[in-house]
C-alpha cells in the first residue's frame, strides 16, 4: 500500500497512464482511502488541463491575444529580442 508521499511522487505518471497494472492498483487503492490525495489528484488534473488549454491558445492566437494572456498571468510577453 502506498503512503501519501509515494502517491505524490507517482501522481503525474499515473495521469499519463505510465504504470504497470500492479502499480495502478496500488494508486487506485490509495485514492480510495485518502481524501487528501484525491484532492491533490483533482488539482493536478485541473492544472494540467489548464496548462494544455493555455498552451494551445498561445499557439493558436495572434500576438495581441498572447500579450493579453501573458498580462493576465503576470508574466511579461516574449519579444523578438528574448530569442
Foldseek 3Di string as FASTA:
>chain_A
DDDLVVLVVCLVVVVVVNDDPVVVVVNVVCVVVDVVVVVVSVVVVVVVVVVVVLVVPCVVDDPVVVCVVCVVVVHHDDDPVND
